C-alpha atoms as a PDB file:
ATOM      1  CA  UNK A   1      -9.781-148.445 119.075  1.00  0.00           C
ATOM      2  CA  UNK A   2      -9.868-147.347 115.484  1.00  0.00           C
ATOM      3  CA  UNK A   3      -9.717-143.552 115.783  1.00  0.00           C
ATOM      4  CA  UNK A   4      -7.988-140.894 117.852  1.00  0.00           C
ATOM      5  CA  UNK A   5      -8.559-137.144 117.895  1.00  0.00           C
ATOM      6  CA  UNK A   6      -5.915-134.424 118.140  1.00  0.00           C
ATOM      7  CA  UNK A   7      -6.348-130.719 118.795  1.00  0.00           C
ATOM      8  CA  UNK A   8      -3.867-128.893 116.557  1.00  0.00           C
ATOM      9  CA  UNK A   9      -2.977-125.297 117.315  1.00  0.00           C
ATOM     10  CA  UNK A  10      -0.617-122.823 115.731  1.00  0.00           C
ATOM     11  CA  UNK A  11       2.078-121.729 118.168  1.00  0.00           C
ATOM     12  CA  UNK A  12       3.738-118.348 117.650  1.00  0.00           C
ATOM     13  CA  UNK A  13       7.096-119.667 118.866  1.00  0.00           C
ATOM     14  CA  UNK A  14       7.325-123.250 117.614  1.00  0.00           C
ATOM     15  CA  UNK A  15       5.025-123.682 114.611  1.00  0.00           C
ATOM     16  CA  UNK A  16       2.295-126.185 115.536  1.00  0.00           C
ATOM     17  CA  UNK A  17       1.323-128.317 118.531  1.00  0.00           C
ATOM     18  CA  UNK A  18      -0.903-131.398 118.690  1.00  0.00           C
ATOM     19  CA  UNK A  19      -2.544-132.836 121.809  1.00  0.00           C
ATOM     20  CA  UNK A  20      -4.531-136.079 121.805  1.00  0.00           C
ATOM     21  CA  UNK A  21      -7.939-136.079 123.451  1.00  0.00           C
ATOM     22  CA  UNK A  22      -8.144-138.662 126.217  1.00  0.00           C
ATOM     23  CA  UNK A  23      -4.496-139.703 126.028  1.00  0.00           C
ATOM     24  CA  UNK A  24      -1.234-138.222 127.284  1.00  0.00           C
ATOM     25  CA  UNK A  25       0.173-137.684 123.789  1.00  0.00           C
ATOM     26  CA  UNK A  26       1.641-134.310 122.847  1.00  0.00           C
ATOM     27  CA  UNK A  27       3.950-133.320 120.012  1.00  0.00           C
ATOM     28  CA  UNK A  28       5.069-130.213 118.152  1.00  0.00           C
ATOM     29  CA  UNK A  29       6.761-129.231 114.894  1.00  0.00           C
ATOM     30  CA  UNK A  30       7.644-126.199 112.806  1.00  0.00           C
ATOM     31  CA  UNK A  31       5.513-127.266 109.822  1.00  0.00           C
ATOM     32  CA  UNK A  32       2.210-129.069 109.418  1.00  0.00           C
ATOM     33  CA  UNK A  33       3.866-131.793 107.324  1.00  0.00           C
ATOM     34  CA  UNK A  34       6.433-132.445 110.051  1.00  0.00           C
ATOM     35  CA  UNK A  35       3.675-132.397 112.684  1.00  0.00           C
ATOM     36  CA  UNK A  36       1.854-135.212 110.866  1.00  0.00           C
ATOM     37  CA  UNK A  37       5.053-137.273 110.854  1.00  0.00           C
ATOM     38  CA  UNK A  38       5.567-136.536 114.566  1.00  0.00           C
ATOM     39  CA  UNK A  39       1.982-137.599 115.361  1.00  0.00           C
ATOM     40  CA  UNK A  40       2.531-140.946 113.643  1.00  0.00           C
ATOM     41  CA  UNK A  41       5.794-141.446 115.564  1.00  0.00           C
ATOM     42  CA  UNK A  42       4.123-140.477 118.856  1.00  0.00           C
ATOM     43  CA  UNK A  43       1.366-143.028 118.236  1.00  0.00           C
ATOM     44  CA  UNK A  44       3.949-145.735 117.552  1.00  0.00           C
ATOM     45  CA  UNK A  45       5.669-144.933 120.859  1.00  0.00           C
ATOM     46  CA  UNK A  46       2.474-144.659 122.917  1.00  0.00           C
ATOM     47  CA  UNK A  47       0.765-147.850 121.720  1.00  0.00           C
ATOM     48  CA  UNK A  48       3.067-150.848 122.172  1.00  0.00           C
ATOM     49  CA  UNK A  49       0.497-153.331 120.946  1.00  0.00           C
ATOM     50  CA  UNK A  50      -0.274-152.826 117.224  1.00  0.00           C
ATOM     51  CA  UNK A  51      -3.832-154.067 117.864  1.00  0.00           C
ATOM     52  CA  UNK A  52      -4.448-151.106 120.204  1.00  0.00           C
ATOM     53  CA  UNK A  53      -2.960-148.458 117.904  1.00  0.00           C
ATOM     54  CA  UNK A  54      -5.610-146.296 116.180  1.00  0.00           C
ATOM     55  CA  UNK A  55      -5.890-146.632 112.430  1.00  0.00           C
ATOM     56  CA  UNK A  56      -7.173-143.068 111.897  1.00  0.00           C
ATOM     57  CA  UNK A  57      -6.050-139.813 113.494  1.00  0.00           C
ATOM     58  CA  UNK A  58      -8.435-136.869 113.212  1.00  0.00           C
ATOM     59  CA  UNK A  59      -6.647-133.525 113.314  1.00  0.00           C
ATOM     60  CA  UNK A  60      -8.940-130.775 114.579  1.00  0.00           C
ATOM     61  CA  UNK A  61      -7.193-127.516 113.683  1.00  0.00           C
ATOM     62  CA  UNK A  62      -7.962-124.630 116.049  1.00  0.00           C
ATOM     63  CA  UNK A  63      -7.006-121.121 115.041  1.00  0.00           C
ATOM     64  CA  UNK A  64      -7.378-118.426 117.676  1.00  0.00           C
ATOM     65  CA  UNK A  65      -8.194-115.137 115.991  1.00  0.00           C
ATOM     66  CA  UNK A  66      -8.931-111.791 117.567  1.00  0.00           C
ATOM     67  CA  UNK A  67     -11.429-109.419 116.017  1.00  0.00           C
ATOM     68  CA  UNK A  68     -11.556-105.875 117.347  1.00  0.00           C
ATOM     69  CA  UNK A  69     -14.867-104.050 117.297  1.00  0.00           C
ATOM     70  CA  UNK A  70     -14.604-100.299 117.061  1.00  0.00           C
END
């Protein structure tokens, strides 16, 4: 595997969350910079074999916004 995809969402209480698609990997952080560090650490922990660890992580940022129509 060369790539992995994460859904990144802004959390009102804890900053940002990231959830990997197709894997049981979840992490959170107060800043986006810290989230990127946490994602790298989570990948190191999840993939014991360096040959299986993805080389690229795609971060798909989802922002939920509400628009009122009057």
